[in-house]
Amino acid sequence: MSEPTGAGGPLRTLAVRINEDLRAQLDVVAQITGRSATEEIRLALEHWIEKTKSDPATLQKAEAIRAEIEREAQTRRNAITAIFGGDNATSGEPKNASASRPATRRAKADE
């Protein structure tokens, strides 16, 4: 059985605990608008997110978070480069792969 999908992809369930008074108000609003309580909650969340996205303080905090993510990503990239080297980082083979392989014994004829 697949998840129902909306405009943004598969829908996910979110359980929200609210008090009886707020639930009663939500049910009345849903009855007035002819929508379900779930749809009213979804519309309210979409409106709140749009409002939040245009708030200058929120934008400033988001930029700080983005900068921190970039710093952490660069630190991890540097660590991978230090371990595997620049060219071998994507191949999955250590920089000095031949040095890490066990030495083979020479055939007796070579001795």
Protein backbone atom coordinates (compact mmCIF):
# COMPACT_ATOMS: atom_id res chain seq x y z
CA MET A 1 0.00 0.00 0.00
CA SER A 2 1.51 3.33 -1.00
CA GLU A 3 1.39 6.62 0.86
CA PRO A 4 -1.12 9.21 -0.39
CA THR A 5 0.56 12.00 -2.30
CA GLY A 6 0.03 15.74 -2.30
CA ALA A 7 1.50 18.59 -4.32
CA GLY A 8 4.82 18.26 -2.47
CA GLY A 9 5.14 14.49 -2.72
CA PRO A 10 4.08 11.66 -0.39
CA LEU A 11 2.07 12.80 2.63
CA ARG A 12 3.38 12.02 6.09
CA THR A 13 1.36 11.85 9.28
CA LEU A 14 2.03 14.34 12.06
CA ALA A 15 0.36 13.88 15.45
CA VAL A 16 -0.30 17.17 17.24
CA ARG A 17 -1.60 17.34 20.78
CA ILE A 18 -4.00 20.23 21.41
CA ASN A 19 -6.35 21.05 24.24
CA GLU A 20 -10.12 20.55 24.03
CA ASP A 21 -10.93 24.23 23.54
CA LEU A 22 -8.59 24.59 20.57
CA ARG A 23 -9.93 21.36 19.08
CA ALA A 24 -13.50 22.61 19.45
CA GLN A 25 -12.57 25.85 17.69
CA LEU A 26 -10.81 23.91 14.93
CA ASP A 27 -13.87 21.73 14.43
CA VAL A 28 -16.14 24.80 14.19
CA VAL A 29 -13.81 26.46 11.64
CA ALA A 30 -13.74 23.23 9.64
CA GLN A 31 -17.53 23.04 9.71
CA ILE A 32 -17.87 26.68 8.60
CA THR A 33 -15.39 26.29 5.72
CA GLY A 34 -16.58 22.85 4.69
CA ARG A 35 -13.07 21.44 5.00
CA SER A 36 -11.77 18.73 7.31
CA ALA A 37 -9.87 19.56 10.49
CA THR A 38 -6.81 17.99 8.85
CA GLU A 39 -7.09 20.32 5.86
CA GLU A 40 -7.52 23.34 8.15
CA ILE A 41 -4.36 22.35 10.03
CA ARG A 42 -2.44 21.87 6.78
CA LEU A 43 -3.57 25.29 5.47
CA ALA A 44 -2.65 26.95 8.78
CA LEU A 45 0.82 25.38 8.73
CA GLU A 46 1.39 26.42 5.11
CA HIS A 47 0.36 30.00 5.95
CA TRP A 48 2.60 30.06 9.05
CA ILE A 49 5.59 28.75 7.10
CA GLU A 50 5.11 31.34 4.34
CA LYS A 51 4.90 34.10 6.97
CA THR A 52 8.01 32.76 8.75
CA LYS A 53 10.01 32.56 5.51
CA SER A 54 9.64 36.30 4.98
CA ASP A 55 10.63 37.27 8.54
CA PRO A 56 14.05 39.02 8.48
CA ALA A 57 15.12 37.49 11.81
CA THR A 58 14.29 34.01 10.52
CA LEU A 59 16.19 34.65 7.29
CA GLN A 60 19.24 35.76 9.29
CA LYS A 61 19.10 32.63 11.46
CA ALA A 62 18.69 30.44 8.37
CA GLU A 63 21.79 31.98 6.80
CA ALA A 64 23.78 31.33 9.99
CA ILE A 65 22.62 27.69 9.97
CA ARG A 66 23.52 27.36 6.28
CA ALA A 67 27.01 28.77 6.96
CA GLU A 68 27.51 26.30 9.82
CA ILE A 69 26.44 23.40 7.59
CA GLU A 70 28.95 24.53 4.95
CA ARG A 71 31.73 24.76 7.57
CA GLU A 72 30.96 21.25 8.81
CA ALA A 73 30.84 19.90 5.25
CA GLN A 74 34.20 21.49 4.43
CA THR A 75 35.73 19.99 7.56
CA ARG A 76 34.48 16.54 6.52
CA ARG A 77 35.74 17.03 2.93
CA ASN A 78 39.14 18.02 4.32
CA ALA A 79 39.17 14.91 6.51
CA ILE A 80 38.40 12.66 3.55
CA THR A 81 41.12 14.35 1.49
CA ALA A 82 43.60 13.92 4.35
CA ILE A 83 42.79 10.22 4.60
CA PHE A 84 42.48 9.29 0.94
CA GLY A 85 44.16 12.13 -0.93
CA GLY A 86 42.66 14.35 -3.57
CA ASP A 87 42.63 12.13 -6.68
CA ASN A 88 41.82 8.85 -4.94
CA ALA A 89 39.00 10.23 -2.80
CA THR A 90 36.35 9.14 -5.29
CA SER A 91 37.91 5.80 -6.21
CA GLY A 92 37.65 4.41 -2.69
CA GLU A 93 41.28 3.25 -2.84
CA PRO A 94 43.76 4.60 -0.26
CA LYS A 95 46.41 7.02 -1.48
CA ASN A 96 49.24 4.50 -1.11
CA ALA A 97 47.28 1.37 -1.90
CA SER A 98 50.35 -0.59 -2.96
CA ALA A 99 52.04 0.15 0.37
CA SER A 100 49.08 -1.28 2.26
CA ARG A 101 48.99 -4.55 0.30
CA PRO A 102 50.85 -7.52 1.76
CA ALA A 103 54.15 -8.35 0.07
CA THR A 104 54.15 -11.47 -2.06
CA ARG A 105 56.76 -14.19 -1.70
CA ARG A 106 59.17 -14.74 -4.53
CA ALA A 107 59.09 -18.05 -6.27
CA LYS A 108 61.86 -20.46 -5.22
CA ALA A 109 63.39 -20.22 -8.71
CA ASP A 110 64.21 -16.55 -8.00
CA GLU A 111 66.15 -17.35 -4.82
